[in-house]
Amino acid sequence: MEDKQKIIIREVALRDGLQSEKAFVSTENKLALIDALAGAGVKYLETTSFVSARAVPQLRDAAKVMARARRGGIWHEVMVPNLKGARAAADAGADRLIVFVSASEAHNRANVGRSISDSMAELDSIFSLAEQSRTPVAAAIATAFGCPYQGPVPVSDVLAVARQFVMRGADRITLADTTGMANPGQVTETVSHFKEHLPDTALCLHLHNNRGIAMANLYAGYLAGIRIFDTSLGGIGGCPNVPQAAGNLATEDTVFMLESMGVDTGMDLAALIEVARLLEKILARPLPGQVMKSGPLESGG
């Protein structure tokens, strides 16, 4: 299979992947991972989040990481939960701010302690700040495919949240299967619905692997026209406010599948595997990724 369109893979291990790790990963190790990922061809990195150190201790060194992170060839995107975080991220030289709201009222309250409407109320000031600092803003919609607290989330609810982001100037919408509840048919239908109603808005898929079918969901999204995907080195991560959450899709597994299909990801699979093994040493435990265990096809695995 050939595809001449550009596939963008956003590496989220440094933020989504590490946020749930109890043992603090040193700033030096985070910087080493950034350098190694850049060497493997990663160009889009969700580098950190300017969030309360009390809420997410793992990311308490966000300013230090951003001050020392490798520049040139890497697009550093930073998740921000509020205006204070957005200001800190812009001051730190973030290449793009990522704002987020859940499509589920129950999950939004569990995740950030406030209603969807309260979260949305702060968006104007964040987008205003971003405009002043000439920093692009993308938006992520959590629980876009279902919520463990309230159950199914109507696609109309997801679209309503997306419209509010786009109206304020978001240049990309990420549909996040925060709970691993999506199935390939649902992904196809949701993406088609968005392409019909927001045809000029870039879409990204962020898929958690709670039930083992995230790769099938990614392929369904690819066939439906998605060309931007979030993945996490080694498959680490998962939402801390989802019961029995599993990790994200492993970056190296995703690159293996797409490259095997003839899709150019711009990444070096062998180098990615080595970075995943480095991460495994840093975290001192086996990681969920599969290709890092078997190796690329030419290895005889």
C-alpha atoms as a PDB file:
ATOM      1  CA  MET A   1       0.000   0.000   0.000  1.00  0.00           C
ATOM      2  CA  GLU A   2       1.364   3.424  -0.907  1.00  0.00           C
ATOM      3  CA  ASP A   3       0.389   6.751   0.547  1.00  0.00           C
ATOM      4  CA  LYS A   4       1.931  10.002  -0.608  1.00  0.00           C
ATOM      5  CA  GLN A   5       0.272  12.042   2.142  1.00  0.00           C
ATOM      6  CA  LYS A   6       2.267  13.118   5.151  1.00  0.00           C
ATOM      7  CA  ILE A   7       1.769  11.041   8.279  1.00  0.00           C
ATOM      8  CA  ILE A   8       2.443  12.950  11.473  1.00  0.00           C
ATOM      9  CA  ILE A   9       3.081  11.034  14.666  1.00  0.00           C
ATOM     10  CA  ARG A  10       3.082  13.100  17.845  1.00  0.00           C
ATOM     11  CA  GLU A  11       5.193  11.514  20.562  1.00  0.00           C
ATOM     12  CA  VAL A  12       3.434  11.929  23.917  1.00  0.00           C
ATOM     13  CA  ALA A  13       5.561   9.758  26.218  1.00  0.00           C
ATOM     14  CA  LEU A  14       7.207  12.727  27.933  1.00  0.00           C
ATOM     15  CA  ARG A  15       3.814  14.099  29.025  1.00  0.00           C
ATOM     16  CA  ASP A  16       0.995  11.569  28.840  1.00  0.00           C
ATOM     17  CA  GLY A  17       3.372   8.655  29.252  1.00  0.00           C
ATOM     18  CA  LEU A  18       5.276   9.859  32.294  1.00  0.00           C
ATOM     19  CA  GLN A  19       2.493  11.687  34.144  1.00  0.00           C
ATOM     20  CA  SER A  20       1.314   8.544  35.927  1.00  0.00           C
ATOM     21  CA  GLU A  21       4.785   7.263  36.853  1.00  0.00           C
ATOM     22  CA  LYS A  22       5.204   7.379  40.618  1.00  0.00           C
ATOM     23  CA  ALA A  23       9.002   7.493  40.650  1.00  0.00           C
ATOM     24  CA  PHE A  24      10.277  10.857  39.450  1.00  0.00           C
ATOM     25  CA  VAL A  25      12.186  10.703  36.169  1.00  0.00           C
ATOM     26  CA  SER A  26      15.059  13.159  36.384  1.00  0.00           C
ATOM     27  CA  THR A  27      15.269  16.191  34.150  1.00  0.00           C
ATOM     28  CA  GLU A  28      18.533  14.791  32.745  1.00  0.00           C
ATOM     29  CA  ASN A  29      16.804  11.562  31.713  1.00  0.00           C
ATOM     30  CA  LYS A  30      13.918  13.458  30.147  1.00  0.00           C
ATOM     31  CA  LEU A  31      16.372  15.546  28.129  1.00  0.00           C
ATOM     32  CA  ALA A  32      18.245  12.400  27.094  1.00  0.00           C
ATOM     33  CA  LEU A  33      14.990  10.894  25.844  1.00  0.00           C
ATOM     34  CA  ILE A  34      14.192  14.053  23.869  1.00  0.00           C
ATOM     35  CA  ASP A  35      17.629  13.947  22.207  1.00  0.00           C
ATOM     36  CA  ALA A  36      17.289  10.253  21.402  1.00  0.00           C
ATOM     37  CA  LEU A  37      13.775  10.664  20.009  1.00  0.00           C
ATOM     38  CA  ALA A  38      14.964  13.513  17.800  1.00  0.00           C
ATOM     39  CA  GLY A  39      17.739  11.251  16.548  1.00  0.00           C
ATOM     40  CA  ALA A  40      15.127   8.636  15.643  1.00  0.00           C
ATOM     41  CA  GLY A  41      13.229  11.119  13.492  1.00  0.00           C
ATOM     42  CA  VAL A  42      10.588  12.377  15.935  1.00  0.00           C
ATOM     43  CA  LYS A  43       9.606  15.913  14.955  1.00  0.00           C
ATOM     44  CA  TYR A  44       6.451  16.521  17.007  1.00  0.00           C
ATOM     45  CA  LEU A  45       6.754  16.106  20.747  1.00  0.00           C
ATOM     46  CA  GLU A  46       4.265  16.731  23.536  1.00  0.00           C
ATOM     47  CA  THR A  47       7.134  17.738  25.748  1.00  0.00           C
ATOM     48  CA  THR A  48       5.506  18.484  29.104  1.00  0.00           C
ATOM     49  CA  SER A  49       2.619  20.239  30.843  1.00  0.00           C
ATOM     50  CA  PHE A  50       2.646  23.341  33.008  1.00  0.00           C
ATOM     51  CA  VAL A  51       0.352  21.927  35.657  1.00  0.00           C
ATOM     52  CA  SER A  52       0.320  22.069  39.441  1.00  0.00           C
ATOM     53  CA  ALA A  53       3.281  20.163  40.879  1.00  0.00           C
ATOM     54  CA  ARG A  54       0.959  18.926  43.592  1.00  0.00           C
ATOM     55  CA  ALA A  55      -1.444  17.499  41.019  1.00  0.00           C
ATOM     56  CA  VAL A  56       1.220  15.977  38.742  1.00  0.00           C
ATOM     57  CA  PRO A  57       4.554  15.731  40.596  1.00  0.00           C
ATOM     58  CA  GLN A  58       6.235  14.049  37.637  1.00  0.00           C
ATOM     59  CA  LEU A  59       6.032  17.246  35.572  1.00  0.00           C
ATOM     60  CA  ARG A  60       7.238  19.657  38.245  1.00  0.00           C
ATOM     61  CA  ASP A  61      10.370  20.303  36.179  1.00  0.00           C
ATOM     62  CA  ALA A  62       8.439  21.567  33.131  1.00  0.00           C
ATOM     63  CA  ALA A  63      10.269  24.921  33.060  1.00  0.00           C
ATOM     64  CA  LYS A  64      13.676  23.254  33.369  1.00  0.00           C
ATOM     65  CA  VAL A  65      12.894  20.784  30.595  1.00  0.00           C
ATOM     66  CA  MET A  66      11.698  23.501  28.247  1.00  0.00           C
ATOM     67  CA  ALA A  67      14.687  25.718  29.021  1.00  0.00           C
ATOM     68  CA  ARG A  68      17.159  22.984  28.131  1.00  0.00           C
ATOM     69  CA  ALA A  69      15.298  20.894  25.561  1.00  0.00           C
ATOM     70  CA  ARG A  70      16.849  20.420  22.160  1.00  0.00           C
ATOM     71  CA  ARG A  71      15.527  22.881  19.605  1.00  0.00           C
ATOM     72  CA  GLY A  72      15.761  22.811  15.845  1.00  0.00           C
ATOM     73  CA  GLY A  73      13.950  19.993  14.104  1.00  0.00           C
ATOM     74  CA  ILE A  74      11.539  19.396  17.004  1.00  0.00           C
ATOM     75  CA  TRP A  75       8.162  21.049  17.474  1.00  0.00           C
ATOM     76  CA  HIS A  76       7.615  21.312  21.249  1.00  0.00           C
ATOM     77  CA  GLU A  77       3.921  21.182  22.105  1.00  0.00           C
ATOM     78  CA  VAL A  78       2.866  21.766  25.715  1.00  0.00           C
ATOM     79  CA  MET A  79      -0.407  20.872  27.397  1.00  0.00           C
ATOM     80  CA  VAL A  80      -1.882  23.607  29.580  1.00  0.00           C
ATOM     81  CA  PRO A  81      -4.790  23.201  32.033  1.00  0.00           C
ATOM     82  CA  ASN A  82      -5.499  26.892  32.652  1.00  0.00           C
ATOM     83  CA  LEU A  83      -4.412  30.468  31.960  1.00  0.00           C
ATOM     84  CA  LYS A  84      -1.548  30.302  34.451  1.00  0.00           C
ATOM     85  CA  GLY A  85      -0.166  27.218  32.720  1.00  0.00           C
ATOM     86  CA  ALA A  86      -0.646  28.765  29.289  1.00  0.00           C
ATOM     87  CA  ARG A  87       1.285  31.878  30.309  1.00  0.00           C
ATOM     88  CA  ALA A  88       4.148  29.775  31.685  1.00  0.00           C
ATOM     89  CA  ALA A  89       4.253  27.617  28.559  1.00  0.00           C
ATOM     90  CA  ALA A  90       4.271  30.617  26.224  1.00  0.00           C
ATOM     91  CA  ASP A  91       7.036  32.247  28.273  1.00  0.00           C
ATOM     92  CA  ALA A  92       9.008  28.997  28.047  1.00  0.00           C
ATOM     93  CA  GLY A  93       8.882  29.092  24.252  1.00  0.00           C
ATOM     94  CA  ALA A  94       6.324  26.399  23.527  1.00  0.00           C
ATOM     95  CA  ASP A  95       5.754  25.961  19.797  1.00  0.00           C
ATOM     96  CA  ARG A  96       2.077  25.141  20.350  1.00  0.00           C
ATOM     97  CA  LEU A  97      -0.257  25.129  23.331  1.00  0.00           C
ATOM     98  CA  ILE A  98      -2.595  22.186  23.853  1.00  0.00           C
ATOM     99  CA  VAL A  99      -5.833  22.905  25.701  1.00  0.00           C
ATOM    100  CA  PHE A 100      -8.257  20.200  26.682  1.00  0.00           C
ATOM    101  CA  VAL A 101     -11.815  19.580  27.805  1.00  0.00           C
ATOM    102  CA  SER A 102     -13.726  16.334  28.243  1.00  0.00           C
ATOM    103  CA  ALA A 103     -16.826  15.670  26.169  1.00  0.00           C
ATOM    104  CA  SER A 104     -18.205  13.958  29.284  1.00  0.00           C
ATOM    105  CA  GLU A 105     -19.300  16.176  32.167  1.00  0.00           C
ATOM    106  CA  ALA A 106     -18.516  13.470  34.723  1.00  0.00           C
ATOM    107  CA  HIS A 107     -14.980  12.892  33.439  1.00  0.00           C
ATOM    108  CA  ASN A 108     -14.228  16.608  33.194  1.00  0.00           C
ATOM    109  CA  ARG A 109     -15.118  17.004  36.872  1.00  0.00           C
ATOM    110  CA  ALA A 110     -12.978  13.987  37.812  1.00  0.00           C
ATOM    111  CA  ASN A 111     -10.067  15.121  35.654  1.00  0.00           C
ATOM    112  CA  VAL A 112      -9.855  18.857  36.401  1.00  0.00           C
ATOM    113  CA  GLY A 113     -12.406  19.366  39.172  1.00  0.00           C
ATOM    114  CA  ARG A 114     -14.824  21.587  37.284  1.00  0.00           C
ATOM    115  CA  SER A 115     -17.678  21.543  34.792  1.00  0.00           C
ATOM    116  CA  ILE A 116     -17.253  21.701  31.027  1.00  0.00           C
ATOM    117  CA  SER A 117     -18.771  25.177  30.998  1.00  0.00           C
ATOM    118  CA  ASP A 118     -16.298  26.365  33.643  1.00  0.00           C
ATOM    119  CA  SER A 119     -13.419  24.933  31.623  1.00  0.00           C
ATOM    120  CA  MET A 120     -14.682  26.603  28.478  1.00  0.00           C
ATOM    121  CA  ALA A 121     -15.088  29.949  30.232  1.00  0.00           C
ATOM    122  CA  GLU A 122     -11.315  30.281  30.529  1.00  0.00           C
ATOM    123  CA  LEU A 123     -10.649  29.523  26.887  1.00  0.00           C
ATOM    124  CA  ASP A 124     -11.074  33.102  25.675  1.00  0.00           C
ATOM    125  CA  SER A 125      -8.258  34.358  27.897  1.00  0.00           C
ATOM    126  CA  ILE A 126      -5.984  31.482  26.871  1.00  0.00           C
ATOM    127  CA  PHE A 127      -6.588  32.076  23.170  1.00  0.00           C
ATOM    128  CA  SER A 128      -6.080  35.797  23.674  1.00  0.00           C
ATOM    129  CA  LEU A 129      -2.745  35.148  25.370  1.00  0.00           C
ATOM    130  CA  ALA A 130      -1.761  32.780  22.564  1.00  0.00           C
ATOM    131  CA  GLU A 131      -2.616  35.383  19.935  1.00  0.00           C
ATOM    132  CA  GLN A 132      -0.514  38.001  21.699  1.00  0.00           C
ATOM    133  CA  SER A 133       2.454  35.627  21.914  1.00  0.00           C
ATOM    134  CA  ARG A 134       1.819  34.304  18.388  1.00  0.00           C
ATOM    135  CA  THR A 135       1.618  30.757  19.696  1.00  0.00           C
ATOM    136  CA  PRO A 136      -0.709  28.327  17.867  1.00  0.00           C
ATOM    137  CA  VAL A 137      -3.288  26.454  19.922  1.00  0.00           C
ATOM    138  CA  ALA A 138      -4.595  22.945  19.390  1.00  0.00           C
ATOM    139  CA  ALA A 139      -7.384  21.322  21.379  1.00  0.00           C
ATOM    140  CA  ALA A 140      -7.875  17.831  22.747  1.00  0.00           C
ATOM    141  CA  ILE A 141     -11.312  16.428  23.548  1.00  0.00           C
ATOM    142  CA  ALA A 142     -11.117  13.697  26.180  1.00  0.00           C
ATOM    143  CA  THR A 143     -13.647  10.839  26.403  1.00  0.00           C
ATOM    144  CA  ALA A 144     -14.611  11.482  22.773  1.00  0.00           C
ATOM    145  CA  PHE A 145     -15.639   7.832  22.352  1.00  0.00           C
ATOM    146  CA  GLY A 146     -17.126   7.010  25.748  1.00  0.00           C
ATOM    147  CA  CYS A 147     -16.842   7.702  29.470  1.00  0.00           C
ATOM    148  CA  PRO A 148     -16.384   5.179  32.316  1.00  0.00           C
ATOM    149  CA  TYR A 149     -18.604   7.325  34.543  1.00  0.00           C
ATOM    150  CA  GLN A 150     -21.508   8.288  32.296  1.00  0.00           C
ATOM    151  CA  GLY A 151     -21.230   5.686  29.520  1.00  0.00           C
ATOM    152  CA  PRO A 152     -21.694   6.507  25.805  1.00  0.00           C
ATOM    153  CA  VAL A 153     -20.912  10.061  24.713  1.00  0.00           C
ATOM    154  CA  PRO A 154     -23.016  11.248  21.757  1.00  0.00           C
ATOM    155  CA  VAL A 155     -20.926  12.426  18.812  1.00  0.00           C
ATOM    156  CA  SER A 156     -23.063  15.579  18.821  1.00  0.00           C
ATOM    157  CA  ASP A 157     -21.659  16.425  22.272  1.00  0.00           C
ATOM    158  CA  VAL A 158     -18.106  15.931  21.015  1.00  0.00           C
ATOM    159  CA  LEU A 159     -18.775  18.079  17.958  1.00  0.00           C
ATOM    160  CA  ALA A 160     -20.306  20.835  20.110  1.00  0.00           C
ATOM    161  CA  VAL A 161     -17.109  21.033  22.180  1.00  0.00           C
ATOM    162  CA  ALA A 162     -14.984  20.987  19.034  1.00  0.00           C
ATOM    163  CA  ARG A 163     -16.939  23.868  17.509  1.00  0.00           C
ATOM    164  CA  GLN A 164     -16.202  26.019  20.559  1.00  0.00           C
ATOM    165  CA  PHE A 165     -12.496  25.330  20.174  1.00  0.00           C
ATOM    166  CA  VAL A 166     -12.490  26.029  16.438  1.00  0.00           C
ATOM    167  CA  MET A 167     -14.498  29.216  16.923  1.00  0.00           C
ATOM    168  CA  ARG A 168     -11.742  30.471  19.228  1.00  0.00           C
ATOM    169  CA  GLY A 169      -8.993  29.653  16.750  1.00  0.00           C
ATOM    170  CA  ALA A 170      -7.794  26.112  17.464  1.00  0.00           C
ATOM    171  CA  ASP A 171      -5.801  24.855  14.474  1.00  0.00           C
ATOM    172  CA  ARG A 172      -6.247  21.156  15.275  1.00  0.00           C
ATOM    173  CA  ILE A 173      -8.709  18.948  17.162  1.00  0.00           C
ATOM    174  CA  THR A 174      -7.579  15.753  18.849  1.00  0.00           C
ATOM    175  CA  LEU A 175     -10.268  13.132  19.418  1.00  0.00           C
ATOM    176  CA  ALA A 176      -9.099  11.211  22.462  1.00  0.00           C
ATOM    177  CA  ASP A 177     -10.238   7.724  23.373  1.00  0.00           C
ATOM    178  CA  THR A 178      -9.195   8.422  26.948  1.00  0.00           C
ATOM    179  CA  THR A 179     -10.930   5.321  28.247  1.00  0.00           C
ATOM    180  CA  GLY A 180     -10.152   2.770  25.542  1.00  0.00           C
ATOM    181  CA  MET A 181     -13.859   2.350  24.816  1.00  0.00           C
ATOM    182  CA  ALA A 182     -13.769   2.979  21.056  1.00  0.00           C
ATOM    183  CA  ASN A 183     -14.182   0.368  18.348  1.00  0.00           C
ATOM    184  CA  PRO A 184     -13.178   0.624  14.669  1.00  0.00           C
ATOM    185  CA  GLY A 185     -16.721   1.161  13.435  1.00  0.00           C
ATOM    186  CA  GLN A 186     -17.263   3.975  15.919  1.00  0.00           C
ATOM    187  CA  VAL A 187     -13.959   5.592  14.928  1.00  0.00           C
ATOM    188  CA  THR A 188     -14.968   5.475  11.259  1.00  0.00           C
ATOM    189  CA  GLU A 189     -18.371   7.016  11.973  1.00  0.00           C
ATOM    190  CA  THR A 190     -16.997   9.732  14.274  1.00  0.00           C
ATOM    191  CA  VAL A 191     -14.238  10.768  11.877  1.00  0.00           C
ATOM    192  CA  SER A 192     -16.691  10.837   8.972  1.00  0.00           C
ATOM    193  CA  HIS A 193     -19.074  13.002  11.038  1.00  0.00           C
ATOM    194  CA  PHE A 194     -16.292  15.465  11.835  1.00  0.00           C
ATOM    195  CA  LYS A 195     -15.079  15.615   8.249  1.00  0.00           C
ATOM    196  CA  GLU A 196     -18.630  16.434   7.170  1.00  0.00           C
ATOM    197  CA  HIS A 197     -19.213  19.174   9.757  1.00  0.00           C
ATOM    198  CA  LEU A 198     -15.667  20.555  10.254  1.00  0.00           C
ATOM    199  CA  PRO A 199     -14.052  19.778   6.894  1.00  0.00           C
ATOM    200  CA  ASP A 200     -11.311  22.409   7.195  1.00  0.00           C
ATOM    201  CA  THR A 201     -10.107  21.421  10.658  1.00  0.00           C
ATOM    202  CA  ALA A 202      -7.087  19.147  11.089  1.00  0.00           C
ATOM    203  CA  LEU A 203      -7.926  16.039  13.112  1.00  0.00           C
ATOM    204  CA  CYS A 204      -5.724  13.880  15.312  1.00  0.00           C
ATOM    205  CA  LEU A 205      -6.480  10.585  17.054  1.00  0.00           C
ATOM    206  CA  HIS A 206      -5.258   9.801  20.574  1.00  0.00           C
ATOM    207  CA  LEU A 207      -6.022   6.166  21.364  1.00  0.00           C
ATOM    208  CA  HIS A 208      -5.583   4.314  24.648  1.00  0.00           C
ATOM    209  CA  ASN A 209      -5.252   0.565  24.574  1.00  0.00           C
ATOM    210  CA  ASN A 210      -7.385  -0.439  27.562  1.00  0.00           C
ATOM    211  CA  ARG A 211      -9.100  -3.239  25.665  1.00  0.00           C
ATOM    212  CA  GLY A 212      -6.408  -4.217  23.197  1.00  0.00           C
ATOM    213  CA  ILE A 213      -7.933  -2.818  19.984  1.00  0.00           C
ATOM    214  CA  ALA A 214      -6.309   0.605  19.793  1.00  0.00           C
ATOM    215  CA  MET A 215      -4.223  -0.405  16.758  1.00  0.00           C
ATOM    216  CA  ALA A 216      -7.365  -1.538  14.937  1.00  0.00           C
ATOM    217  CA  ASN A 217      -8.907   1.822  15.841  1.00  0.00           C
ATOM    218  CA  LEU A 218      -5.855   3.632  14.486  1.00  0.00           C
ATOM    219  CA  TYR A 219      -6.094   1.742  11.209  1.00  0.00           C
ATOM    220  CA  ALA A 220      -9.793   2.588  10.961  1.00  0.00           C
ATOM    221  CA  GLY A 221      -8.902   6.235  11.506  1.00  0.00           C
ATOM    222  CA  TYR A 222      -6.198   6.034   8.867  1.00  0.00           C
ATOM    223  CA  LEU A 223      -8.627   4.579   6.327  1.00  0.00           C
ATOM    224  CA  ALA A 224     -11.109   7.333   7.223  1.00  0.00           C
ATOM    225  CA  GLY A 225      -8.512   9.958   6.369  1.00  0.00           C
ATOM    226  CA  ILE A 226      -6.761  10.781   9.647  1.00  0.00           C
ATOM    227  CA  ARG A 227      -3.113  11.676   9.085  1.00  0.00           C
ATOM    228  CA  ILE A 228      -2.077  12.771  12.597  1.00  0.00           C
ATOM    229  CA  PHE A 229      -1.800  10.304  15.482  1.00  0.00           C
ATOM    230  CA  ASP A 230      -0.643  10.473  19.110  1.00  0.00           C
ATOM    231  CA  THR A 231       1.525   7.588  20.284  1.00  0.00           C
ATOM    232  CA  SER A 232       3.775   6.950  23.266  1.00  0.00           C
ATOM    233  CA  LEU A 233       7.214   5.356  23.315  1.00  0.00           C
ATOM    234  CA  GLY A 234       7.049   1.849  24.733  1.00  0.00           C
ATOM    235  CA  GLY A 235       3.264   2.131  25.099  1.00  0.00           C
ATOM    236  CA  ILE A 236       3.447   3.881  28.473  1.00  0.00           C
ATOM    237  CA  GLY A 237       0.788   6.183  29.861  1.00  0.00           C
ATOM    238  CA  GLY A 238      -2.949   6.247  30.328  1.00  0.00           C
ATOM    239  CA  CYS A 239      -5.379   8.593  32.003  1.00  0.00           C
ATOM    240  CA  PRO A 240      -4.849   8.709  35.807  1.00  0.00           C
ATOM    241  CA  ASN A 241      -8.578   9.327  36.330  1.00  0.00           C
ATOM    242  CA  VAL A 242      -9.817   6.264  34.456  1.00  0.00           C
ATOM    243  CA  PRO A 243     -10.310   3.047  36.447  1.00  0.00           C
ATOM    244  CA  GLN A 244      -7.818   0.320  35.447  1.00  0.00           C
ATOM    245  CA  ALA A 245      -6.375   2.475  32.669  1.00  0.00           C
ATOM    246  CA  ALA A 246      -3.901   0.925  30.257  1.00  0.00           C
ATOM    247  CA  GLY A 247      -1.281   2.699  28.210  1.00  0.00           C
ATOM    248  CA  ASN A 248      -1.182   4.390  24.833  1.00  0.00           C
ATOM    249  CA  LEU A 249      -0.276   2.827  21.530  1.00  0.00           C
ATOM    250  CA  ALA A 250       3.478   2.261  21.393  1.00  0.00           C
ATOM    251  CA  THR A 251       5.178   4.590  18.933  1.00  0.00           C
ATOM    252  CA  GLU A 252       7.500   1.883  17.640  1.00  0.00           C
ATOM    253  CA  ASP A 253       4.577  -0.553  17.134  1.00  0.00           C
ATOM    254  CA  THR A 254       2.668   2.089  15.179  1.00  0.00           C
ATOM    255  CA  VAL A 255       5.667   2.971  13.028  1.00  0.00           C
ATOM    256  CA  PHE A 256       6.251  -0.731  12.329  1.00  0.00           C
ATOM    257  CA  MET A 257       2.675  -1.229  11.123  1.00  0.00           C
ATOM    258  CA  LEU A 258       2.525   1.891   8.977  1.00  0.00           C
ATOM    259  CA  GLU A 259       5.954   1.405   7.436  1.00  0.00           C
ATOM    260  CA  SER A 260       5.081  -2.240   6.705  1.00  0.00           C
ATOM    261  CA  MET A 261       2.093  -0.900   4.751  1.00  0.00           C
ATOM    262  CA  GLY A 262       4.335   1.383   2.721  1.00  0.00           C
ATOM    263  CA  VAL A 263       3.390   4.538   4.624  1.00  0.00           C
ATOM    264  CA  ASP A 264       6.308   6.891   5.252  1.00  0.00           C
ATOM    265  CA  THR A 265       6.375   8.063   8.874  1.00  0.00           C
ATOM    266  CA  GLY A 266       9.742   9.771   8.587  1.00  0.00           C
ATOM    267  CA  MET A 267      11.038   7.767  11.547  1.00  0.00           C
ATOM    268  CA  ASP A 268      13.859   5.267  11.976  1.00  0.00           C
ATOM    269  CA  LEU A 269      12.291   2.132  13.471  1.00  0.00           C
ATOM    270  CA  ALA A 270      15.550   0.564  14.636  1.00  0.00           C
ATOM    271  CA  ALA A 271      16.508   3.804  16.402  1.00  0.00           C
ATOM    272  CA  LEU A 272      13.043   4.073  17.991  1.00  0.00           C
ATOM    273  CA  ILE A 273      13.390   0.574  19.382  1.00  0.00           C
ATOM    274  CA  GLU A 274      16.671   1.553  21.009  1.00  0.00           C
ATOM    275  CA  VAL A 275      15.028   4.624  22.568  1.00  0.00           C
ATOM    276  CA  ALA A 276      12.200   2.425  23.886  1.00  0.00           C
ATOM    277  CA  ARG A 277      14.794   0.144  25.467  1.00  0.00           C
ATOM    278  CA  LEU A 278      16.464   3.197  27.012  1.00  0.00           C
ATOM    279  CA  LEU A 279      13.117   4.221  28.484  1.00  0.00           C
ATOM    280  CA  GLU A 280      12.665   0.699  29.841  1.00  0.00           C
ATOM    281  CA  LYS A 281      16.005   1.007  31.654  1.00  0.00           C
ATOM    282  CA  ILE A 282      15.065   4.425  33.034  1.00  0.00           C
ATOM    283  CA  LEU A 283      11.722   3.173  34.356  1.00  0.00           C
ATOM    284  CA  ALA A 284      13.269  -0.131  35.486  1.00  0.00           C
ATOM    285  CA  ARG A 285      10.343  -2.268  34.407  1.00  0.00           C
ATOM    286  CA  PRO A 286       9.126  -4.068  31.277  1.00  0.00           C
ATOM    287  CA  LEU A 287       7.126  -1.859  28.931  1.00  0.00           C
ATOM    288  CA  PRO A 288       3.968  -2.855  26.985  1.00  0.00           C
ATOM    289  CA  GLY A 289       5.418  -2.253  23.505  1.00  0.00           C
ATOM    290  CA  GLN A 290       5.727  -5.384  21.372  1.00  0.00           C
ATOM    291  CA  VAL A 291       8.078  -4.445  18.537  1.00  0.00           C
ATOM    292  CA  MET A 292      10.802  -3.482  21.016  1.00  0.00           C
ATOM    293  CA  LYS A 293      10.749  -7.135  22.090  1.00  0.00           C
ATOM    294  CA  SER A 294      10.607  -8.806  18.662  1.00  0.00           C
ATOM    295  CA  GLY A 295      12.504  -6.204  16.652  1.00  0.00           C
ATOM    296  CA  PRO A 296      11.900  -5.195  13.027  1.00  0.00           C
ATOM    297  CA  LEU A 297      11.243  -7.903  10.429  1.00  0.00           C
ATOM    298  CA  GLU A 298      14.821  -7.953   9.188  1.00  0.00           C
ATOM    299  CA  SER A 299      15.956  -8.968  12.693  1.00  0.00           C
ATOM    300  CA  GLY A 300      14.326 -12.363  12.210  1.00  0.00           C
ATOM    301  CA  GLY A 301      11.922 -11.837  15.119  1.00  0.00           C
END
